[in-house]
Amino acid sequence: MIEEWVLDSLSDATNIPIDYLRQLIEKGTIRFMKYRNVLYFSFRKRVRGIEEGTTVLISRNEDPLVVIGYSHIARVALPSIALPSHFIDKIVVEEKMDGYNVRVVFYAGNLFAITRGGLVCPYTTQKIRLLYGDKIKEFYKEYDPYKYFLAGEVVGKENPYVRKEYPEAPRFGYFIFDVFRENKPAPLSLRSEIVEKYKLNSVRVLGVIDKDDLDSFWRFLEQLDKEGREGVVLKDPEYRVEPLKYTTNVADISDIAHGMLFFGDEGRDYLYTRVLRLGFRLYEKPLGDIEKLYRELGRAILEPIVEAIRRGKRGEAGYEEFTLSFTSYLDAQEFVEFMEQLGLELTVVDIVEDNSEIRLIVRKPKLETEKLLARVLKTGLFGYD
């Protein structure tokens, strides 16, 4: 049961009548959650102009804080058409990192890390507080936390969502890509000023180009492809138009290979959209040897399937394994309970105490892949028409 004062606070913050809020909460459109001493609501769909992914934090002794959802960025298919037609004049070309989107806010005396879905992730929150807390709190001493917040990418191998190793952040890193002012992204000059002043990490800026300068754009893509990086985000310096994004060959092929290892759970989604991206890119600018790319794509599709079958034969096909590190058993327990509350199953297979860290070896089930392989390996029948 949600107390009346909590609904009053939510209604005041969103200008949505309480009776309608109750309906939205009952339907699951708005999710009610709690993290330690702070209550919050996350919007799972757009409601009356409030973006999907918006979070409203509530505490009895504080005014509610509304953190607007981070809009999805449109993906470029053909840069030669999209860039000149979408942008006004200049384009800031930033590196797109392969992690997960996190907004960091200051509320009720502490920092909270909010995922794109509008949830306060206990694991990410504790990591941000531990690694960057002092610097970010200094930022919020000067910038009103009711008017400003940071948005960035969490990358590294030790997180529950997207795991890719970066030399600059092999385990866990937070790289700021936007500063929001009054729930709108501020000009990029403010971000540069803030990350320099408070010695925070930011995404790499590759350069500023004219909207018609496709040669420079492709040089940046070729550079990132050779480095094995994810791609670019393209922004107007003043945020007069929405950003766009574009990925490299190596990122798309790597994603396909990962998805096909768990083809029953992820393969179709991973394969179709990424093959289309590669096809449009080959049409416009191959970024390398086309024949080599054909071979790499075929290997990315087929090799993981063969490996998945072998893993299935060994009884290992049905999970993805990774490590999470905590500073206390309380933090670890909070995270496991958080995932259970969301209906996401994780299995802790081992706990290792290493100096001041508690490291959990965790498995995430891939049930559809496991079931499909078990059936085929037992009956010899494929199951698809």
Protein backbone atom coordinates (compact mmCIF):
# COMPACT_ATOMS: atom_id res chain seq x y z
CA MET A 1 0.00 0.00 0.00
CA ILE A 2 1.36 3.40 -1.01
CA GLU A 3 0.84 6.04 1.65
CA GLU A 4 -1.31 9.04 0.76
CA TRP A 5 1.46 11.61 1.27
CA VAL A 6 3.60 9.75 -1.28
CA LEU A 7 0.86 9.93 -3.92
CA ASP A 8 0.30 13.59 -3.06
CA SER A 9 3.99 14.27 -3.69
CA LEU A 10 3.93 12.39 -6.99
CA SER A 11 0.80 14.25 -8.10
CA ASP A 12 2.32 17.62 -7.20
CA ALA A 13 5.52 16.78 -9.09
CA THR A 14 3.82 15.53 -12.26
CA ASN A 15 0.51 17.45 -12.35
CA ILE A 16 -1.31 14.14 -12.75
CA PRO A 17 -4.46 13.59 -10.60
CA ILE A 18 -4.09 11.02 -7.82
CA ASP A 19 -6.95 8.82 -9.06
CA TYR A 20 -5.33 8.54 -12.48
CA LEU A 21 -1.94 7.84 -10.89
CA ARG A 22 -3.49 4.94 -8.97
CA GLN A 23 -4.79 3.48 -12.24
CA LEU A 24 -1.39 3.81 -13.90
CA ILE A 25 0.34 2.16 -10.94
CA GLU A 26 -2.17 -0.71 -10.88
CA LYS A 27 -1.66 -1.29 -14.63
CA GLY A 28 2.12 -1.23 -14.19
CA THR A 29 2.60 1.82 -16.40
CA ILE A 30 4.22 3.51 -13.41
CA ARG A 31 6.37 1.31 -11.17
CA PHE A 32 6.69 2.05 -7.43
CA MET A 33 10.07 1.15 -5.92
CA LYS A 34 12.24 1.87 -2.89
CA TYR A 35 15.98 2.15 -2.40
CA ARG A 36 17.00 2.51 1.23
CA ASN A 37 15.52 5.77 2.55
CA VAL A 38 14.21 7.02 -0.80
CA LEU A 39 10.97 6.07 -2.55
CA TYR A 40 10.66 6.49 -6.29
CA PHE A 41 8.38 5.99 -9.27
CA SER A 42 9.56 5.06 -12.75
CA PHE A 43 7.49 5.70 -15.88
CA ARG A 44 7.53 2.65 -18.14
CA LYS A 45 5.63 4.48 -20.89
CA ARG A 46 5.12 8.10 -21.91
CA VAL A 47 2.27 9.63 -19.89
CA ARG A 48 0.82 13.11 -20.48
CA GLY A 49 4.04 14.49 -21.90
CA ILE A 50 6.26 12.78 -19.31
CA GLU A 51 8.89 10.71 -21.11
CA GLU A 52 9.32 6.97 -20.75
CA GLY A 53 12.15 6.30 -18.29
CA THR A 54 11.36 9.35 -16.17
CA THR A 55 11.97 8.87 -12.45
CA VAL A 56 10.40 10.77 -9.57
CA LEU A 57 12.30 10.46 -6.28
CA ILE A 58 10.40 11.13 -3.05
CA SER A 59 11.47 11.52 0.56
CA ARG A 60 9.38 12.81 3.45
CA ASN A 61 11.81 15.61 4.28
CA GLU A 62 12.56 16.70 0.70
CA ASP A 63 10.70 18.12 -2.26
CA PRO A 64 10.22 15.45 -4.95
CA LEU A 65 12.83 15.35 -7.70
CA VAL A 66 11.75 14.73 -11.31
CA VAL A 67 14.48 13.24 -13.52
CA ILE A 68 13.34 13.23 -17.13
CA GLY A 69 13.81 10.07 -19.20
CA TYR A 70 16.68 9.98 -21.68
CA SER A 71 15.24 9.90 -25.20
CA HIS A 72 16.33 7.17 -27.57
CA ILE A 73 18.75 8.36 -30.24
CA ALA A 74 17.84 7.77 -33.88
CA ARG A 75 20.22 5.53 -35.81
CA VAL A 76 21.72 6.62 -39.13
CA ALA A 77 21.41 4.23 -42.08
CA LEU A 78 22.90 6.40 -44.85
CA PRO A 79 25.16 9.20 -43.52
CA SER A 80 25.41 10.94 -46.90
CA ILE A 81 21.69 11.70 -46.70
CA ALA A 82 21.11 11.95 -42.94
CA LEU A 83 23.91 14.30 -41.88
CA PRO A 84 23.35 17.19 -44.34
CA SER A 85 19.57 17.03 -43.98
CA HIS A 86 19.35 16.64 -40.19
CA PHE A 87 21.97 19.06 -38.87
CA ILE A 88 22.00 22.85 -39.13
CA ASP A 89 25.72 23.54 -39.62
CA LYS A 90 28.32 22.05 -37.25
CA ILE A 91 28.43 18.49 -35.89
CA VAL A 92 30.30 17.37 -32.78
CA VAL A 93 31.48 13.80 -33.39
CA GLU A 94 31.76 11.87 -30.12
CA GLU A 95 32.69 8.27 -29.48
CA LYS A 96 29.74 6.00 -28.75
CA MET A 97 30.75 3.67 -25.93
CA ASP A 98 29.28 0.19 -25.52
CA GLY A 99 27.71 0.12 -22.07
CA TYR A 100 24.51 1.28 -20.43
CA ASN A 101 22.97 4.71 -19.97
CA VAL A 102 23.02 6.10 -16.41
CA ARG A 103 21.79 9.42 -15.02
CA VAL A 104 23.46 10.43 -11.75
CA VAL A 105 21.44 12.70 -9.47
CA PHE A 106 21.89 14.11 -5.97
CA TYR A 107 18.90 13.75 -3.66
CA ALA A 108 18.27 13.53 0.09
CA GLY A 109 21.97 13.91 0.81
CA ASN A 110 23.35 11.28 -1.54
CA LEU A 111 23.95 10.20 -5.13
CA PHE A 112 21.67 7.85 -7.05
CA ALA A 113 22.34 6.11 -10.38
CA ILE A 114 19.26 5.78 -12.57
CA THR A 115 19.18 3.42 -15.55
CA ARG A 116 17.54 4.24 -18.88
CA GLY A 117 14.45 2.37 -17.70
CA GLY A 118 14.09 4.75 -14.76
CA LEU A 119 15.28 2.39 -12.02
CA VAL A 120 17.74 3.19 -9.25
CA CYS A 121 20.24 0.35 -9.66
CA PRO A 122 21.78 -0.53 -6.27
CA TYR A 123 24.95 -1.94 -7.84
CA THR A 124 25.58 1.05 -10.11
CA THR A 125 24.69 3.50 -7.35
CA GLN A 126 27.22 2.01 -4.95
CA LYS A 127 29.93 1.90 -7.63
CA ILE A 128 29.36 5.53 -8.61
CA ARG A 129 29.43 6.60 -4.96
CA LEU A 130 32.62 4.64 -4.31
CA LEU A 131 34.60 5.62 -7.41
CA TYR A 132 33.32 9.10 -8.25
CA GLY A 133 31.26 10.22 -5.26
CA ASP A 134 33.51 12.97 -3.93
CA LYS A 135 33.98 14.62 -7.33
CA ILE A 136 30.31 14.47 -8.30
CA LYS A 137 29.20 15.79 -4.92
CA GLU A 138 31.53 18.76 -5.45
CA PHE A 139 29.74 19.40 -8.74
CA TYR A 140 26.37 19.38 -6.99
CA LYS A 141 27.57 21.85 -4.37
CA GLU A 142 27.85 24.46 -7.10
CA TYR A 143 25.06 23.29 -9.43
CA ASP A 144 21.53 23.03 -8.05
CA PRO A 145 20.57 19.30 -8.03
CA TYR A 146 16.96 20.28 -8.75
CA LYS A 147 18.08 21.95 -11.99
CA TYR A 148 21.07 19.88 -13.14
CA PHE A 149 22.02 16.23 -13.49
CA LEU A 150 24.69 14.19 -15.25
CA ALA A 151 24.11 11.57 -17.94
CA GLY A 152 26.75 9.12 -19.04
CA GLU A 153 27.74 5.60 -20.03
CA VAL A 154 28.83 2.87 -17.64
CA VAL A 155 31.30 0.50 -19.31
CA GLY A 156 33.54 -2.36 -18.26
CA LYS A 157 33.35 -6.07 -17.54
CA GLU A 158 31.93 -5.85 -14.00
CA ASN A 159 28.31 -4.80 -14.35
CA PRO A 160 24.96 -6.61 -14.59
CA TYR A 161 23.89 -5.33 -18.01
CA VAL A 162 26.42 -4.79 -20.84
CA ARG A 163 29.91 -6.21 -20.47
CA LYS A 164 32.73 -5.10 -22.70
CA GLU A 165 36.29 -4.41 -21.62
CA TYR A 166 37.77 -0.99 -22.28
CA PRO A 167 41.47 -0.34 -21.63
CA GLU A 168 40.54 2.89 -19.84
CA ALA A 169 37.92 1.09 -17.72
CA PRO A 170 38.54 -2.68 -17.66
CA ARG A 171 36.21 -3.32 -14.71
CA PHE A 172 33.88 -0.33 -14.22
CA GLY A 173 33.94 3.22 -15.55
CA TYR A 174 31.51 6.12 -15.90
CA PHE A 175 31.91 8.50 -18.85
CA ILE A 176 29.72 11.61 -19.02
CA PHE A 177 28.14 12.43 -22.36
CA ASP A 178 25.55 15.06 -21.35
CA VAL A 179 24.75 17.58 -18.65
CA PHE A 180 21.04 18.26 -18.24
CA ARG A 181 19.78 21.68 -17.17
CA GLU A 182 16.12 21.93 -16.16
CA ASN A 183 15.52 18.50 -17.70
CA LYS A 184 16.96 19.44 -21.10
CA PRO A 185 20.45 18.66 -22.44
CA ALA A 186 22.67 21.71 -22.10
CA PRO A 187 25.11 22.96 -24.77
CA LEU A 188 28.19 20.76 -24.96
CA SER A 189 30.45 23.60 -23.87
CA LEU A 190 28.96 23.31 -20.37
CA ARG A 191 29.78 19.60 -20.24
CA SER A 192 33.38 20.34 -21.23
CA GLU A 193 33.63 22.98 -18.53
CA ILE A 194 32.22 20.69 -15.83
CA VAL A 195 34.28 17.57 -16.59
CA GLU A 196 37.45 19.64 -16.67
CA LYS A 197 36.69 21.55 -13.47
CA TYR A 198 35.70 18.49 -11.42
CA LYS A 199 38.14 16.07 -13.11
CA LEU A 200 35.41 13.71 -14.28
CA ASN A 201 35.59 11.31 -17.22
CA SER A 202 33.76 12.14 -20.43
CA VAL A 203 33.28 10.39 -23.74
CA ARG A 204 35.97 11.10 -26.32
CA VAL A 205 35.33 13.99 -28.71
CA LEU A 206 36.81 13.04 -32.08
CA GLY A 207 36.26 16.42 -33.70
CA VAL A 208 33.86 19.09 -34.92
CA ILE A 209 32.95 18.96 -38.61
CA ASP A 210 30.68 20.72 -41.08
CA LYS A 211 27.48 18.83 -41.80
CA ASP A 212 28.59 18.26 -45.43
CA ASP A 213 32.08 17.02 -44.51
CA LEU A 214 31.51 13.32 -45.14
CA ASP A 215 35.22 12.68 -45.73
CA SER A 216 36.08 13.60 -42.13
CA PHE A 217 33.11 11.61 -40.85
CA TRP A 218 34.29 8.45 -42.60
CA ARG A 219 37.87 8.97 -41.40
CA PHE A 220 36.59 8.95 -37.82
CA LEU A 221 34.63 5.75 -38.49
CA GLU A 222 37.62 4.03 -40.06
CA GLN A 223 39.75 5.03 -37.07
CA LEU A 224 37.22 3.61 -34.60
CA ASP A 225 36.75 0.44 -36.64
CA LYS A 226 40.50 -0.22 -36.58
CA GLU A 227 40.52 0.40 -32.81
CA GLY A 228 37.69 -2.09 -32.32
CA ARG A 229 35.36 0.57 -30.87
CA GLU A 230 31.58 0.89 -30.95
CA GLY A 231 30.81 3.92 -33.12
CA VAL A 232 29.88 7.60 -32.93
CA VAL A 233 27.18 9.88 -31.57
CA LEU A 234 26.62 13.02 -33.63
CA LYS A 235 25.43 16.17 -31.84
CA ASP A 236 24.66 19.77 -32.55
CA PRO A 237 26.96 21.82 -30.26
CA GLU A 238 23.97 23.77 -28.90
CA TYR A 239 21.49 20.86 -28.96
CA ARG A 240 19.27 22.65 -31.48
CA VAL A 241 18.42 19.26 -33.05
CA GLU A 242 18.37 15.74 -31.64
CA PRO A 243 21.56 13.61 -31.75
CA LEU A 244 22.10 10.71 -34.14
CA LYS A 245 24.22 7.56 -33.78
CA TYR A 246 26.17 5.26 -36.09
CA THR A 247 28.14 2.09 -35.39
CA THR A 248 31.24 0.44 -36.84
CA ASN A 249 31.55 -2.87 -38.69
CA VAL A 250 33.49 -4.43 -35.85
CA ALA A 251 30.79 -3.51 -33.31
CA ASP A 252 27.95 -4.96 -35.38
CA ILE A 253 29.83 -8.19 -36.11
CA SER A 254 30.84 -8.56 -32.46
CA ASP A 255 27.22 -8.09 -31.37
CA ILE A 256 26.04 -10.70 -33.89
CA ALA A 257 28.58 -13.21 -32.58
CA HIS A 258 27.45 -12.62 -28.99
CA GLY A 259 23.78 -12.89 -29.89
CA MET A 260 24.18 -16.10 -31.88
CA LEU A 261 25.87 -17.82 -28.93
CA PHE A 262 22.45 -17.52 -27.24
CA PHE A 263 20.43 -17.79 -30.45
CA GLY A 264 17.25 -18.97 -28.76
CA ASP A 265 17.11 -15.86 -26.58
CA GLU A 266 18.85 -13.11 -28.54
CA GLY A 267 19.92 -14.33 -31.96
CA ARG A 268 17.04 -13.13 -34.11
CA ASP A 269 16.99 -9.57 -32.75
CA TYR A 270 20.75 -9.27 -32.85
CA LEU A 271 21.07 -10.71 -36.34
CA TYR A 272 18.39 -8.96 -38.37
CA THR A 273 19.00 -5.33 -37.41
CA ARG A 274 22.78 -5.58 -37.47
CA VAL A 275 22.92 -7.33 -40.83
CA LEU A 276 20.75 -4.53 -42.22
CA ARG A 277 23.14 -1.93 -40.78
CA LEU A 278 26.08 -3.70 -42.42
CA GLY A 279 24.23 -3.92 -45.73
CA PHE A 280 23.51 -0.19 -45.88
CA ARG A 281 27.09 0.56 -44.86
CA LEU A 282 28.50 -1.70 -47.58
CA TYR A 283 26.28 0.08 -50.09
CA GLU A 284 27.66 3.48 -49.09
CA LYS A 285 31.15 2.96 -47.61
CA PRO A 286 32.55 -0.51 -46.88
CA LEU A 287 35.21 0.59 -44.31
CA GLY A 288 37.63 -2.06 -45.53
CA ASP A 289 37.88 -5.20 -47.64
CA ILE A 290 34.35 -6.29 -48.66
CA GLU A 291 35.27 -9.94 -49.18
CA LYS A 292 36.91 -10.05 -45.76
CA LEU A 293 33.79 -8.53 -44.22
CA TYR A 294 31.60 -11.19 -45.87
CA ARG A 295 33.77 -13.91 -44.32
CA GLU A 296 33.76 -12.22 -40.90
CA LEU A 297 29.97 -11.94 -40.98
CA GLY A 298 29.55 -15.61 -41.88
CA ARG A 299 31.91 -16.62 -39.09
CA ALA A 300 30.09 -14.37 -36.60
CA ILE A 301 26.80 -16.11 -37.42
CA LEU A 302 27.89 -19.75 -37.65
CA GLU A 303 30.82 -20.19 -35.28
CA PRO A 304 28.87 -19.21 -32.12
CA ILE A 305 26.05 -21.61 -33.05
CA VAL A 306 28.51 -24.51 -33.26
CA GLU A 307 30.04 -23.43 -29.94
CA ALA A 308 26.55 -23.21 -28.38
CA ILE A 309 25.78 -26.78 -29.48
CA ARG A 310 29.04 -28.00 -27.94
CA ARG A 311 28.25 -26.12 -24.74
CA GLY A 312 24.78 -27.66 -24.76
CA LYS A 313 26.30 -31.11 -25.01
CA ARG A 314 28.41 -30.28 -21.93
CA GLY A 315 25.38 -28.84 -20.11
CA GLU A 316 26.72 -25.26 -20.23
CA ALA A 317 24.54 -23.62 -22.90
CA GLY A 318 21.90 -22.07 -20.70
CA TYR A 319 23.71 -19.20 -19.02
CA GLU A 320 26.05 -16.25 -19.31
CA GLU A 321 28.57 -15.91 -16.47
CA PHE A 322 30.10 -12.71 -15.11
CA THR A 323 31.55 -11.15 -11.95
CA LEU A 324 30.20 -8.34 -9.76
CA SER A 325 32.19 -6.78 -6.92
CA PHE A 326 30.77 -5.23 -3.74
CA THR A 327 32.18 -3.61 -0.62
CA SER A 328 29.71 -5.30 1.74
CA TYR A 329 27.33 -8.24 1.93
CA LEU A 330 24.48 -5.75 2.45
CA ASP A 331 25.19 -4.15 -0.94
CA ALA A 332 25.30 -7.58 -2.58
CA GLN A 333 22.04 -8.66 -0.96
CA GLU A 334 20.31 -5.43 -1.98
CA PHE A 335 21.28 -5.94 -5.59
CA VAL A 336 20.15 -9.58 -5.72
CA GLU A 337 16.81 -8.62 -4.14
CA PHE A 338 16.45 -5.75 -6.63
CA MET A 339 16.84 -8.12 -9.58
CA GLU A 340 14.39 -10.58 -8.03
CA GLN A 341 11.87 -7.77 -7.55
CA LEU A 342 12.10 -7.07 -11.28
CA GLY A 343 11.55 -10.74 -12.06
CA LEU A 344 15.08 -11.12 -13.47
CA GLU A 345 16.68 -14.37 -12.42
CA LEU A 346 20.35 -14.42 -11.46
CA THR A 347 22.15 -17.34 -9.83
CA VAL A 348 25.10 -16.71 -7.53
CA VAL A 349 27.43 -19.67 -8.06
CA ASP A 350 30.37 -18.51 -5.95
CA ILE A 351 31.40 -15.79 -3.50
CA VAL A 352 35.04 -14.77 -3.19
CA GLU A 353 36.42 -12.38 -0.57
CA ASP A 354 39.36 -10.50 -2.05
CA ASN A 355 40.97 -7.88 0.20
CA SER A 356 38.20 -5.33 0.84
CA GLU A 357 35.97 -6.67 -1.96
CA ILE A 358 33.25 -9.29 -2.06
CA ARG A 359 33.13 -10.75 -5.55
CA LEU A 360 30.03 -12.60 -6.72
CA ILE A 361 30.29 -15.03 -9.64
CA VAL A 362 26.86 -14.75 -11.23
CA ARG A 363 25.05 -16.65 -13.95
CA LYS A 364 22.25 -15.16 -16.03
CA PRO A 365 19.98 -17.88 -17.47
CA LYS A 366 19.42 -18.15 -21.22
CA LEU A 367 16.44 -20.47 -20.97
CA GLU A 368 15.19 -20.51 -24.56
CA THR A 369 18.62 -21.50 -25.88
CA GLU A 370 18.92 -24.16 -23.19
CA LYS A 371 15.48 -25.65 -23.92
CA LEU A 372 15.97 -25.64 -27.69
CA LEU A 373 19.35 -27.35 -27.49
CA ALA A 374 18.14 -29.90 -24.94
CA ARG A 375 15.26 -30.87 -27.23
CA VAL A 376 17.40 -31.12 -30.37
CA LEU A 377 20.20 -33.04 -28.64
CA LYS A 378 17.63 -35.48 -27.23
CA THR A 379 15.36 -36.01 -30.25
CA GLY A 380 17.55 -35.01 -33.17
CA LEU A 381 14.62 -32.95 -34.47
CA PHE A 382 15.09 -29.27 -35.16
CA GLY A 383 11.70 -27.92 -34.11
CA TYR A 384 11.51 -25.14 -36.71
CA ASP A 385 9.51 -25.63 -39.90
